C-alpha atoms as a PDB file:
ATOM      1  CA  MET A   1     198.522  34.070  28.175  1.00  0.00           C
ATOM      2  CA  ARG A   2     200.174  32.563  31.280  1.00  0.00           C
ATOM      3  CA  ARG A   3     201.190  35.883  32.571  1.00  0.00           C
ATOM      4  CA  LYS A   4     197.685  37.127  32.522  1.00  0.00           C
ATOM      5  CA  ASN A   5     196.291  34.146  34.462  1.00  0.00           C
ATOM      6  CA  ARG A   6     198.843  34.544  37.201  1.00  0.00           C
ATOM      7  CA  GLU A   7     197.939  38.084  37.895  1.00  0.00           C
ATOM      8  CA  THR A   8     194.251  37.210  38.190  1.00  0.00           C
ATOM      9  CA  ASP A   9     194.865  34.347  40.593  1.00  0.00           C
ATOM     10  CA  SER A  10     197.124  36.510  42.742  1.00  0.00           C
ATOM     11  CA  PHE A  11     194.399  39.201  43.155  1.00  0.00           C
ATOM     12  CA  THR A  12     191.741  36.676  44.037  1.00  0.00           C
ATOM     13  CA  VAL A  13     193.726  34.978  46.735  1.00  0.00           C
ATOM     14  CA  SER A  14     194.651  38.264  48.348  1.00  0.00           C
ATOM     15  CA  PHE A  15     191.039  39.368  48.584  1.00  0.00           C
ATOM     16  CA  LEU A  16     190.002  36.056  50.133  1.00  0.00           C
ATOM     17  CA  ASP A  17     192.783  36.303  52.660  1.00  0.00           C
ATOM     18  CA  VAL A  18     191.677  39.715  53.755  1.00  0.00           C
ATOM     19  CA  ALA A  19     188.036  38.700  53.997  1.00  0.00           C
ATOM     20  CA  SER A  20     188.870  35.553  55.902  1.00  0.00           C
ATOM     21  CA  CYS A  21     191.066  37.405  58.329  1.00  0.00           C
ATOM     22  CA  GLY A  22     188.336  40.035  59.082  1.00  0.00           C
ATOM     23  CA  PHE A  23     185.605  37.463  59.498  1.00  0.00           C
ATOM     24  CA  GLY A  24     187.881  35.312  61.627  1.00  0.00           C
ATOM     25  CA  ALA A  25     188.727  38.241  63.824  1.00  0.00           C
ATOM     26  CA  MET A  26     185.051  38.922  64.456  1.00  0.00           C
ATOM     27  CA  ILE A  27     184.431  35.322  65.363  1.00  0.00           C
ATOM     28  CA  ILE A  28     187.366  35.309  67.725  1.00  0.00           C
ATOM     29  CA  LEU A  29     186.087  38.511  69.414  1.00  0.00           C
ATOM     30  CA  LEU A  30     182.668  37.013  69.917  1.00  0.00           C
ATOM     31  CA  MET A  31     184.182  33.873  71.363  1.00  0.00           C
ATOM     32  CA  ILE A  32     186.390  35.638  73.853  1.00  0.00           C
ATOM     33  CA  THR A  33     183.671  38.098  74.930  1.00  0.00           C
ATOM     34  CA  LYS A  34     182.002  36.950  78.228  1.00  0.00           C
ATOM     35  CA  SER A  35     178.248  36.904  77.981  1.00  0.00           C
ATOM     36  CA  GLN A  36     176.237  37.443  81.153  1.00  0.00           C
ATOM     37  CA  ALA A  37     172.793  38.619  82.306  1.00  0.00           C
ATOM     38  CA  PRO A  38     172.002  42.372  82.654  1.00  0.00           C
ATOM     39  CA  ILE A  39     173.150  43.864  85.920  1.00  0.00           C
ATOM     40  CA  THR A  40     170.621  45.734  88.064  1.00  0.00           C
ATOM     41  CA  LEU A  41     172.234  48.974  89.089  1.00  0.00           C
ATOM     42  CA  GLU A  42     169.597  50.160  91.637  1.00  0.00           C
ATOM     43  CA  PHE A  43     166.336  48.855  93.054  1.00  0.00           C
ATOM     44  CA  SER A  44     163.346  51.309  93.241  1.00  0.00           C
ATOM     45  CA  GLU A  45     161.642  51.256  96.616  1.00  0.00           C
ATOM     46  CA  VAL A  46     158.382  52.836  95.249  1.00  0.00           C
ATOM     47  CA  THR A  47     156.213  51.037  92.795  1.00  0.00           C
ATOM     48  CA  PRO A  48     154.240  52.969  90.130  1.00  0.00           C
ATOM     49  CA  GLN A  49     150.991  51.960  91.805  1.00  0.00           C
ATOM     50  CA  ALA A  50     152.143  53.486  95.104  1.00  0.00           C
ATOM     51  CA  THR A  51     153.084  56.711  93.339  1.00  0.00           C
ATOM     52  CA  VAL A  52     149.668  56.973  91.722  1.00  0.00           C
ATOM     53  CA  SER A  53     147.949  56.314  95.060  1.00  0.00           C
ATOM     54  CA  GLU A  54     150.052  58.969  96.764  1.00  0.00           C
ATOM     55  CA  LEU A  55     149.220  61.519  94.070  1.00  0.00           C
ATOM     56  CA  GLN A  56     145.546  60.659  94.342  1.00  0.00           C
ATOM     57  CA  GLU A  57     145.662  61.174  98.108  1.00  0.00           C
ATOM     58  CA  GLU A  58     147.307  64.543  97.600  1.00  0.00           C
ATOM     59  CA  LEU A  59     144.615  65.447  95.046  1.00  0.00           C
ATOM     60  CA  PHE A  60     141.854  64.452  97.484  1.00  0.00           C
ATOM     61  CA  ALA A  61     143.527  66.488 100.229  1.00  0.00           C
ATOM     62  CA  ILE A  62     143.708  69.528  97.942  1.00  0.00           C
ATOM     63  CA  ARG A  63     140.054  69.126  97.018  1.00  0.00           C
ATOM     64  CA  GLY A  64     139.117  68.908 100.670  1.00  0.00           C
ATOM     65  CA  GLU A  65     141.054  72.059 101.464  1.00  0.00           C
ATOM     66  CA  THR A  66     139.368  73.754  98.501  1.00  0.00           C
ATOM     67  CA  ARG A  67     135.916  72.879  99.848  1.00  0.00           C
ATOM     68  CA  ILE A  68     136.872  74.196 103.264  1.00  0.00           C
ATOM     69  CA  LEU A  69     138.168  77.429 101.762  1.00  0.00           C
ATOM     70  CA  ASN A  70     134.991  77.787  99.685  1.00  0.00           C
ATOM     71  CA  ARG A  71     132.843  77.342 102.790  1.00  0.00           C
ATOM     72  CA  GLU A  72     134.904  79.927 104.638  1.00  0.00           C
ATOM     73  CA  LEU A  73     134.605  82.288 101.655  1.00  0.00           C
ATOM     74  CA  ASN A  74     130.829  81.848 101.541  1.00  0.00           C
ATOM     75  CA  ALA A  75     130.641  82.472 105.277  1.00  0.00           C
ATOM     76  CA  LYS A  76     132.653  85.671 104.889  1.00  0.00           C
ATOM     77  CA  GLN A  77     130.421  86.789 102.012  1.00  0.00           C
ATOM     78  CA  GLU A  78     127.313  86.155 104.127  1.00  0.00           C
ATOM     79  CA  GLN A  79     128.844  88.154 106.975  1.00  0.00           C
ATOM     80  CA  LEU A  80     129.640  90.956 104.543  1.00  0.00           C
ATOM     81  CA  SER A  81     126.052  90.941 103.232  1.00  0.00           C
ATOM     82  CA  ALA A  82     124.726  91.018 106.786  1.00  0.00           C
ATOM     83  CA  LEU A  83     126.988  93.961 107.603  1.00  0.00           C
ATOM     84  CA  ASP A  84     125.883  95.786 104.445  1.00  0.00           C
ATOM     85  CA  GLU A  85     122.241  95.232 105.371  1.00  0.00           C
ATOM     86  CA  ARG A  86     122.878  96.447 108.908  1.00  0.00           C
ATOM     87  CA  ILE A  87     124.616  99.549 107.584  1.00  0.00           C
ATOM     88  CA  ALA A  88     121.664 100.249 105.272  1.00  0.00           C
ATOM     89  CA  ARG A  89     119.234  99.775 108.174  1.00  0.00           C
ATOM     90  CA  LEU A  90     121.253 102.099 110.398  1.00  0.00           C
ATOM     91  CA  ARG A  91     121.303 104.686 107.636  1.00  0.00           C
ATOM     92  CA  ARG A  92     117.520 104.465 107.314  1.00  0.00           C
ATOM     93  CA  ASP A  93     117.170 104.843 111.080  1.00  0.00           C
ATOM     94  CA  LEU A  94     119.483 107.833 110.946  1.00  0.00           C
ATOM     95  CA  ASN A  95     117.411 109.394 108.179  1.00  0.00           C
ATOM     96  CA  ASP A  96     114.268 108.811 110.248  1.00  0.00           C
ATOM     97  CA  VAL A  97     115.813 110.486 113.279  1.00  0.00           C
ATOM     98  CA  GLN A  98     117.045 113.394 111.181  1.00  0.00           C
ATOM     99  CA  GLY A  99     113.625 113.722 109.562  1.00  0.00           C
ATOM    100  CA  ARG A 100     111.888 113.806 112.942  1.00  0.00           C
ATOM    101  CA  TYR A 101     114.386 116.310 114.234  1.00  0.00           C
ATOM    102  CA  GLU A 102     113.966 118.560 111.210  1.00  0.00           C
ATOM    103  CA  ALA A 103     110.175 118.244 111.344  1.00  0.00           C
ATOM    104  CA  THR A 104     110.158 119.103 115.052  1.00  0.00           C
ATOM    105  CA  ALA A 105     112.485 122.039 114.556  1.00  0.00           C
ATOM    106  CA  GLN A 106     110.482 123.328 111.617  1.00  0.00           C
ATOM    107  CA  LEU A 107     107.219 122.893 113.498  1.00  0.00           C
ATOM    108  CA  SER A 108     108.598 124.830 116.451  1.00  0.00           C
ATOM    109  CA  GLU A 109     109.672 127.654 114.151  1.00  0.00           C
ATOM    110  CA  GLU A 110     106.390 127.768 112.272  1.00  0.00           C
ATOM    111  CA  ASN A 111     104.000 127.471 115.211  1.00  0.00           C
ATOM    112  CA  SER A 112     104.379 131.084 116.219  1.00  0.00           C
ATOM    113  CA  GLU A 113     104.062 132.232 112.606  1.00  0.00           C
ATOM    114  CA  GLU A 114     100.969 130.100 111.973  1.00  0.00           C
ATOM    115  CA  TYR A 115      99.179 131.304 115.085  1.00  0.00           C
ATOM    116  CA  GLY A 116     100.068 134.856 114.187  1.00  0.00           C
ATOM    117  CA  GLN A 117      98.707 134.476 110.671  1.00  0.00           C
ATOM    118  CA  LEU A 118      95.375 132.824 111.503  1.00  0.00           C
ATOM    119  CA  ALA A 119      93.507 136.076 111.155  1.00  0.00           C
ATOM    120  CA  ILE A 120      95.165 136.740 107.788  1.00  0.00           C
ATOM    121  CA  ALA A 121      94.405 133.204 106.606  1.00  0.00           C
ATOM    122  CA  ARG A 122      90.651 133.553 107.178  1.00  0.00           C
ATOM    123  CA  GLN A 123      88.438 134.058 104.165  1.00  0.00           C
ATOM    124  CA  SER A 124      86.499 137.247 104.196  1.00  0.00           C
ATOM    125  CA  LEU A 125      82.888 136.571 105.106  1.00  0.00           C
ATOM    126  CA  THR A 126      80.337 137.081 102.386  1.00  0.00           C
ATOM    127  CA  GLU A 127      77.072 138.853 103.019  1.00  0.00           C
ATOM    128  CA  GLU A 128      75.332 135.475 102.988  1.00  0.00           C
ATOM    129  CA  MET A 129      77.655 134.090 105.699  1.00  0.00           C
ATOM    130  CA  GLN A 130      77.169 137.222 107.770  1.00  0.00           C
ATOM    131  CA  ARG A 131      73.410 136.791 107.471  1.00  0.00           C
ATOM    132  CA  LEU A 132      73.653 133.178 108.600  1.00  0.00           C
ATOM    133  CA  LEU A 133      75.915 134.014 111.515  1.00  0.00           C
ATOM    134  CA  ALA A 134      73.710 136.876 112.622  1.00  0.00           C
ATOM    135  CA  ASN A 135      70.924 134.465 113.591  1.00  0.00           C
ATOM    136  CA  THR A 136      73.124 131.976 115.432  1.00  0.00           C
ATOM    137  CA  VAL A 137      75.234 131.970 118.533  1.00  0.00           C
ATOM    138  CA  ALA A 138      78.873 131.901 117.571  1.00  0.00           C
ATOM    139  CA  PRO A 139      80.797 129.082 119.244  1.00  0.00           C
ATOM    140  CA  GLU A 140      83.516 129.944 121.686  1.00  0.00           C
ATOM    141  CA  ASN A 141      86.105 128.302 119.464  1.00  0.00           C
ATOM    142  CA  ASN A 142      85.591 129.033 115.760  1.00  0.00           C
ATOM    143  CA  ALA A 143      88.617 127.017 114.683  1.00  0.00           C
ATOM    144  CA  ILE A 144      89.417 123.324 114.806  1.00  0.00           C
ATOM    145  CA  GLY A 145      93.012 122.977 115.895  1.00  0.00           C
ATOM    146  CA  GLY A 146      93.793 126.409 114.447  1.00  0.00           C
ATOM    147  CA  VAL A 147      92.053 125.729 111.116  1.00  0.00           C
ATOM    148  CA  PRO A 148      89.731 128.545 109.908  1.00  0.00           C
ATOM    149  CA  VAL A 149      86.115 127.464 109.468  1.00  0.00           C
ATOM    150  CA  ASP A 150      84.434 130.330 107.638  1.00  0.00           C
ATOM    151  CA  SER A 151      83.382 128.913 104.260  1.00  0.00           C
ATOM    152  CA  GLU A 152      79.942 128.433 102.770  1.00  0.00           C
ATOM    153  CA  TYR A 153      80.693 124.955 101.449  1.00  0.00           C
ATOM    154  CA  ILE A 154      82.883 122.259 102.989  1.00  0.00           C
ATOM    155  CA  ILE A 155      84.313 119.075 101.487  1.00  0.00           C
ATOM    156  CA  PHE A 156      85.938 116.297 103.513  1.00  0.00           C
ATOM    157  CA  VAL A 157      88.600 114.240 101.700  1.00  0.00           C
ATOM    158  CA  ILE A 158      89.356 111.279 103.966  1.00  0.00           C
ATOM    159  CA  ASP A 159      92.126 108.682 103.842  1.00  0.00           C
ATOM    160  CA  THR A 160      90.272 105.350 104.097  1.00  0.00           C
ATOM    161  CA  SER A 161      93.355 103.110 104.024  1.00  0.00           C
ATOM    162  CA  GLY A 162      93.857 100.311 106.518  1.00  0.00           C
ATOM    163  CA  SER A 163      96.250 102.312 108.678  1.00  0.00           C
ATOM    164  CA  MET A 164      93.461 104.815 109.320  1.00  0.00           C
ATOM    165  CA  PHE A 165      90.361 102.624 109.365  1.00  0.00           C
ATOM    166  CA  ASN A 166      91.794  99.786 111.473  1.00  0.00           C
ATOM    167  CA  ASN A 167      93.314 101.969 114.188  1.00  0.00           C
ATOM    168  CA  PRO A 168      92.167 104.382 116.916  1.00  0.00           C
ATOM    169  CA  SER A 169      92.696 107.247 114.454  1.00  0.00           C
ATOM    170  CA  TRP A 170      89.349 106.398 112.835  1.00  0.00           C
ATOM    171  CA  GLY A 171      87.475 107.176 116.038  1.00  0.00           C
ATOM    172  CA  LYS A 172      89.516 110.335 116.469  1.00  0.00           C
ATOM    173  CA  MET A 173      88.766 111.280 112.851  1.00  0.00           C
ATOM    174  CA  LEU A 174      85.009 110.916 113.495  1.00  0.00           C
ATOM    175  CA  GLY A 175      85.365 113.264 116.451  1.00  0.00           C
ATOM    176  CA  VAL A 176      87.248 115.844 114.360  1.00  0.00           C
ATOM    177  CA  ILE A 177      84.551 115.809 111.662  1.00  0.00           C
ATOM    178  CA  ASP A 178      81.809 116.080 114.299  1.00  0.00           C
ATOM    179  CA  ASP A 179      83.584 119.054 115.900  1.00  0.00           C
ATOM    180  CA  THR A 180      84.068 120.683 112.501  1.00  0.00           C
ATOM    181  CA  LEU A 181      80.417 120.316 111.607  1.00  0.00           C
ATOM    182  CA  ASN A 182      79.417 121.686 115.025  1.00  0.00           C
ATOM    183  CA  VAL A 183      81.606 124.760 114.559  1.00  0.00           C
ATOM    184  CA  TYR A 184      79.899 125.565 111.260  1.00  0.00           C
ATOM    185  CA  PRO A 185      76.459 126.814 112.352  1.00  0.00           C
ATOM    186  CA  GLU A 186      75.043 126.414 108.858  1.00  0.00           C
ATOM    187  CA  VAL A 187      76.491 125.964 105.391  1.00  0.00           C
ATOM    188  CA  LYS A 188      75.027 125.768 101.925  1.00  0.00           C
ATOM    189  CA  GLY A 189      76.413 122.342 101.126  1.00  0.00           C
ATOM    190  CA  ILE A 190      78.548 119.458 102.381  1.00  0.00           C
ATOM    191  CA  GLN A 191      80.345 116.696 100.507  1.00  0.00           C
ATOM    192  CA  VAL A 192      82.318 113.644 101.700  1.00  0.00           C
ATOM    193  CA  MET A 193      84.691 111.583  99.550  1.00  0.00           C
ATOM    194  CA  ASN A 194      87.779 109.523 100.158  1.00  0.00           C
ATOM    195  CA  ASP A 195      91.287 110.321  98.950  1.00  0.00           C
ATOM    196  CA  MET A 196      90.633 108.384  95.728  1.00  0.00           C
ATOM    197  CA  GLY A 197      87.710 110.692  94.885  1.00  0.00           C
ATOM    198  CA  ASP A 198      85.013 108.088  95.681  1.00  0.00           C
ATOM    199  CA  TYR A 199      81.781 109.586  97.026  1.00  0.00           C
ATOM    200  CA  MET A 200      80.273 108.464 100.305  1.00  0.00           C
ATOM    201  CA  PHE A 201      76.758 108.790  98.874  1.00  0.00           C
ATOM    202  CA  ASP A 202      76.313 107.842  95.223  1.00  0.00           C
ATOM    203  CA  SER A 203      72.967 109.622  95.198  1.00  0.00           C
ATOM    204  CA  TYR A 204      74.850 112.908  95.696  1.00  0.00           C
ATOM    205  CA  ARG A 205      77.597 112.200  93.165  1.00  0.00           C
ATOM    206  CA  GLY A 206      78.652 115.552  91.709  1.00  0.00           C
ATOM    207  CA  ASP A 207      76.131 117.394  93.869  1.00  0.00           C
ATOM    208  CA  TRP A 208      76.047 118.947  97.346  1.00  0.00           C
ATOM    209  CA  ILE A 209      74.603 117.153 100.373  1.00  0.00           C
ATOM    210  CA  PRO A 210      72.012 119.448 101.996  1.00  0.00           C
ATOM    211  CA  ASP A 211      73.056 120.732 105.407  1.00  0.00           C
ATOM    212  CA  THR A 212      70.418 119.429 107.805  1.00  0.00           C
ATOM    213  CA  PRO A 213      70.734 117.857 111.275  1.00  0.00           C
ATOM    214  CA  GLY A 214      69.578 114.549 109.832  1.00  0.00           C
ATOM    215  CA  ARG A 215      72.184 114.612 107.065  1.00  0.00           C
ATOM    216  CA  ARG A 216      74.954 115.439 109.522  1.00  0.00           C
ATOM    217  CA  THR A 217      73.958 112.490 111.685  1.00  0.00           C
ATOM    218  CA  GLN A 218      73.774 110.256 108.627  1.00  0.00           C
ATOM    219  CA  ILE A 219      77.291 111.302 107.561  1.00  0.00           C
ATOM    220  CA  LEU A 220      78.774 110.390 110.950  1.00  0.00           C
ATOM    221  CA  ASN A 221      76.903 107.079 111.144  1.00  0.00           C
ATOM    222  CA  THR A 222      77.964 106.072 107.638  1.00  0.00           C
ATOM    223  CA  LEU A 223      81.576 106.988 108.346  1.00  0.00           C
ATOM    224  CA  ARG A 224      81.812 104.391 111.111  1.00  0.00           C
ATOM    225  CA  SER A 225      81.817 101.551 108.566  1.00  0.00           C
ATOM    226  CA  TRP A 226      82.816 103.345 105.353  1.00  0.00           C
ATOM    227  CA  ASN A 227      86.000 101.707 104.039  1.00  0.00           C
ATOM    228  CA  PRO A 228      86.527 102.030 100.259  1.00  0.00           C
ATOM    229  CA  TYR A 229      89.931 101.358  98.701  1.00  0.00           C
ATOM    230  CA  SER A 230      92.634 104.003  99.262  1.00  0.00           C
ATOM    231  CA  ASN A 231      96.195 104.476  97.981  1.00  0.00           C
ATOM    232  CA  SER A 232      97.102 106.903 100.803  1.00  0.00           C
ATOM    233  CA  SER A 233      97.508 109.850  98.414  1.00  0.00           C
ATOM    234  CA  PRO A 234      95.113 112.838  98.594  1.00  0.00           C
ATOM    235  CA  VAL A 235      95.749 114.074  95.055  1.00  0.00           C
ATOM    236  CA  GLU A 236      92.860 112.193  93.382  1.00  0.00           C
ATOM    237  CA  GLY A 237      90.269 113.305  95.933  1.00  0.00           C
ATOM    238  CA  VAL A 238      91.432 116.932  96.040  1.00  0.00           C
ATOM    239  CA  THR A 239      91.567 117.310  92.257  1.00  0.00           C
ATOM    240  CA  ARG A 240      88.111 115.767  91.807  1.00  0.00           C
ATOM    241  CA  ALA A 241      86.673 118.022  94.509  1.00  0.00           C
ATOM    242  CA  ILE A 242      88.051 121.161  92.828  1.00  0.00           C
ATOM    243  CA  ASN A 243      87.145 120.159  89.278  1.00  0.00           C
ATOM    244  CA  THR A 244      83.611 119.117  90.248  1.00  0.00           C
ATOM    245  CA  PHE A 245      82.485 121.685  92.796  1.00  0.00           C
ATOM    246  CA  TYR A 246      84.390 124.908  92.207  1.00  0.00           C
ATOM    247  CA  SER A 247      82.362 127.893  91.133  1.00  0.00           C
ATOM    248  CA  PRO A 248      83.319 131.587  91.297  1.00  0.00           C
ATOM    249  CA  ASP A 249      80.305 132.321  93.487  1.00  0.00           C
ATOM    250  CA  ARG A 250      81.202 129.679  96.109  1.00  0.00           C
ATOM    251  CA  LYS A 251      83.582 129.899  99.021  1.00  0.00           C
ATOM    252  CA  ILE A 252      84.786 126.343  99.480  1.00  0.00           C
ATOM    253  CA  SER A 253      87.101 124.769 102.027  1.00  0.00           C
ATOM    254  CA  ILE A 254      88.509 121.276 101.543  1.00  0.00           C
ATOM    255  CA  TYR A 255      89.566 119.330 104.634  1.00  0.00           C
ATOM    256  CA  VAL A 256      92.110 116.582 103.944  1.00  0.00           C
ATOM    257  CA  LEU A 257      92.276 114.031 106.776  1.00  0.00           C
ATOM    258  CA  GLY A 258      94.982 111.347 106.686  1.00  0.00           C
ATOM    259  CA  ASP A 259      97.947 109.773 108.390  1.00  0.00           C
ATOM    260  CA  ASP A 260     100.593 108.982 105.774  1.00  0.00           C
ATOM    261  CA  PHE A 261     101.850 109.433 102.232  1.00  0.00           C
ATOM    262  CA  GLN A 262     103.524 106.363 100.790  1.00  0.00           C
ATOM    263  CA  PRO A 263     107.176 106.557  99.568  1.00  0.00           C
ATOM    264  CA  GLY A 264     106.155 105.587  96.028  1.00  0.00           C
ATOM    265  CA  GLY A 265     104.506 108.976  95.428  1.00  0.00           C
ATOM    266  CA  SER A 266     106.256 112.229  94.595  1.00  0.00           C
ATOM    267  CA  ILE A 267     105.511 115.208  96.837  1.00  0.00           C
ATOM    268  CA  GLU A 268     106.559 117.661  94.136  1.00  0.00           C
ATOM    269  CA  GLU A 269     104.304 116.031  91.519  1.00  0.00           C
ATOM    270  CA  VAL A 270     101.291 116.199  93.865  1.00  0.00           C
ATOM    271  CA  LEU A 271     101.919 119.884  94.622  1.00  0.00           C
ATOM    272  CA  ASN A 272     102.374 120.725  90.949  1.00  0.00           C
ATOM    273  CA  THR A 273      99.146 118.919  90.066  1.00  0.00           C
ATOM    274  CA  ILE A 274      97.180 120.841  92.700  1.00  0.00           C
ATOM    275  CA  ASP A 275      98.782 124.124  91.564  1.00  0.00           C
ATOM    276  CA  ARG A 276      97.656 123.540  87.971  1.00  0.00           C
ATOM    277  CA  ILE A 277      94.050 122.966  89.081  1.00  0.00           C
ATOM    278  CA  ASN A 278      93.623 125.292  92.069  1.00  0.00           C
ATOM    279  CA  VAL A 279      94.940 128.375  90.287  1.00  0.00           C
ATOM    280  CA  GLU A 280      95.075 131.897  91.662  1.00  0.00           C
ATOM    281  CA  ASP A 281      92.578 134.575  90.717  1.00  0.00           C
ATOM    282  CA  ALA A 282      93.352 138.191  89.886  1.00  0.00           C
ATOM    283  CA  ASP A 283      93.753 139.001  93.594  1.00  0.00           C
ATOM    284  CA  GLY A 284      96.187 136.139  94.205  1.00  0.00           C
ATOM    285  CA  ASN A 285      93.613 133.961  95.967  1.00  0.00           C
ATOM    286  CA  ARG A 286      93.179 130.292  95.147  1.00  0.00           C
ATOM    287  CA  LEU A 287      89.910 128.883  93.846  1.00  0.00           C
ATOM    288  CA  VAL A 288      89.380 126.879  97.041  1.00  0.00           C
ATOM    289  CA  ARG A 289      91.049 126.781 100.440  1.00  0.00           C
ATOM    290  CA  ILE A 290      92.743 123.517 101.447  1.00  0.00           C
ATOM    291  CA  HIS A 291      93.267 122.504 105.083  1.00  0.00           C
ATOM    292  CA  GLY A 292      94.983 119.402 106.378  1.00  0.00           C
ATOM    293  CA  ILE A 293      94.790 117.354 109.559  1.00  0.00           C
ATOM    294  CA  GLY A 294      97.335 114.616 110.290  1.00  0.00           C
ATOM    295  CA  PHE A 295      96.755 111.669 112.598  1.00  0.00           C
ATOM    296  CA  PRO A 296      99.647 109.949 114.455  1.00  0.00           C
ATOM    297  CA  THR A 297      98.467 106.416 113.663  1.00  0.00           C
ATOM    298  CA  ILE A 298     101.699 104.974 112.298  1.00  0.00           C
ATOM    299  CA  PHE A 299     103.758 106.247 115.217  1.00  0.00           C
ATOM    300  CA  ALA A 300     102.244 103.371 117.204  1.00  0.00           C
ATOM    301  CA  GLY A 301     103.738 100.839 114.734  1.00  0.00           C
ATOM    302  CA  PRO A 302     107.262  99.786 113.672  1.00  0.00           C
ATOM    303  CA  GLN A 303     109.722 102.588 113.149  1.00  0.00           C
ATOM    304  CA  ARG A 304     110.492 101.565 109.562  1.00  0.00           C
ATOM    305  CA  PHE A 305     106.993 102.695 108.527  1.00  0.00           C
ATOM    306  CA  GLN A 306     107.149 106.080 110.215  1.00  0.00           C
ATOM    307  CA  GLN A 307     108.895 107.867 107.366  1.00  0.00           C
ATOM    308  CA  SER A 308     105.571 107.984 105.515  1.00  0.00           C
ATOM    309  CA  VAL A 309     104.144 110.112 108.367  1.00  0.00           C
ATOM    310  CA  TYR A 310     106.836 112.746 107.840  1.00  0.00           C
ATOM    311  CA  ARG A 311     106.195 112.661 104.102  1.00  0.00           C
ATOM    312  CA  TYR A 312     102.484 113.297 104.683  1.00  0.00           C
ATOM    313  CA  SER A 313     103.273 116.168 107.067  1.00  0.00           C
ATOM    314  CA  THR A 314     105.676 117.694 104.566  1.00  0.00           C
ATOM    315  CA  LEU A 315     103.179 117.340 101.723  1.00  0.00           C
ATOM    316  CA  MET A 316     100.198 118.778 103.618  1.00  0.00           C
ATOM    317  CA  ARG A 317     102.159 121.608 105.220  1.00  0.00           C
ATOM    318  CA  GLU A 318     103.318 122.789 101.799  1.00  0.00           C
ATOM    319  CA  MET A 319      99.936 122.165 100.139  1.00  0.00           C
ATOM    320  CA  THR A 320      97.972 124.100 102.771  1.00  0.00           C
ATOM    321  CA  GLN A 321     100.468 126.944 102.752  1.00  0.00           C
ATOM    322  CA  ARG A 322     100.179 127.313  98.971  1.00  0.00           C
ATOM    323  CA  ASN A 323      96.380 127.086  99.041  1.00  0.00           C
ATOM    324  CA  GLY A 324      95.485 129.463 101.846  1.00  0.00           C
ATOM    325  CA  GLY A 325      94.879 126.844 104.509  1.00  0.00           C
ATOM    326  CA  THR A 326      96.415 125.458 107.681  1.00  0.00           C
ATOM    327  CA  PHE A 327      97.895 122.071 108.519  1.00  0.00           C
ATOM    328  CA  VAL A 328      97.471 120.648 112.016  1.00  0.00           C
ATOM    329  CA  GLY A 329      99.324 117.510 113.093  1.00  0.00           C
ATOM    330  CA  LEU A 330      97.693 115.773 116.057  1.00  0.00           C
ATOM    331  CA  ASN A 331     100.063 114.271 118.607  1.00  0.00           C
ATOM    332  CA  ASP A 332      97.793 111.636 120.174  1.00  0.00           C
ATOM    333  CA  PHE A 333      94.493 109.816 119.749  1.00  0.00           C
ATOM    334  CA  ARG A 334      92.664 111.642 122.522  1.00  0.00           C
END
C-alpha cells in the first residue's frame, strides 16, 4: 500500500513542476517584453478625398474632350453630307448638259431628214378635201412650222398647266392655233380639249364643233382664260380623242401643244399606250395622225426644272414619228 501511494505522489508533483515552469516562463517573457505604441513607417501626402477629387476632375476633363470630339464629328458629317449633295447636284447638272447636247445633236441630224420627208408625211387628199380646196385660194405656206395640215378634222390637245398658262407661251400658243386654223381653209369639224381629256365646250362633248368663222373666233377668245387642271402628260387627252372621234371615213390630225413632261411619268408607257389605241391599218397607216409642238417656257426658269423639257421633246418626237406626224420645238416666244 505505501509503495503505491509514493508513485502517485511522485507523478503529480512532476506534472505540477512542468506546468508551473511553462506558465512562469510565459509570465517572465511578458514582463521582459517592452510594450510601446505602433510606429508609423510612412506618412501619405495625399488624402483619400484629394484622390477622389483628382479622379473626378480627370473624368470631367475626359467628358469635355468627348463633347468636343462629338461636335467635331458632327461637323465632319455635315460637311460630308454637304459634299454628297453637291456631288449629286453636279451630276444632275451634268446630265442636263449631256441631255441638251444629245438633243441638239439629234435635232441637227434629223432636221434634214424631216424636211426631206414632209411630202411623204402628208396624208393623201380625199376627193372631199380636193373639192374644198378647189374653191379656195391656197395659202402660201400650207404647213405650220413644218407640220402637214391636210386633214378633214382637227383636234387640239393643249397642256393647260401653270407653266404654260402663266407664261408668255400661252400667248404664243394662241398664235399657233390661230395660224393653224387660218391655214386650213375649211374642215368638217374641230375639237379642243386639254391634255387631261377635258373638253373646252361641254355642249360639244363627244361631238365635233362646226367650222364657222364665229366658232373659230369663239375658240380663240375662250382659250385666253381657259385653265382647267393639267398633269402635264398628253396621254389622257390623246387617247380620249382617238377613242371618241376616230372613224374609218375620217382623216383626223391631232395637234399636241405643250412645254414639258414631268419626271414621274414613263415615256415608254405613254408610247405603248398610244400604240395600243392608234393601231395601224392594212396599209401600215395609223388611225389618226399626231403632231406635236413644243414651247420653250421652262427654259426661262431654273435649270433644275429644264430636264422635263427634254423629256417632252423626246416623248413627242417619238410619238409623232410613230404616228405619221411631225414634232416642232419652238426656240423662243416670238
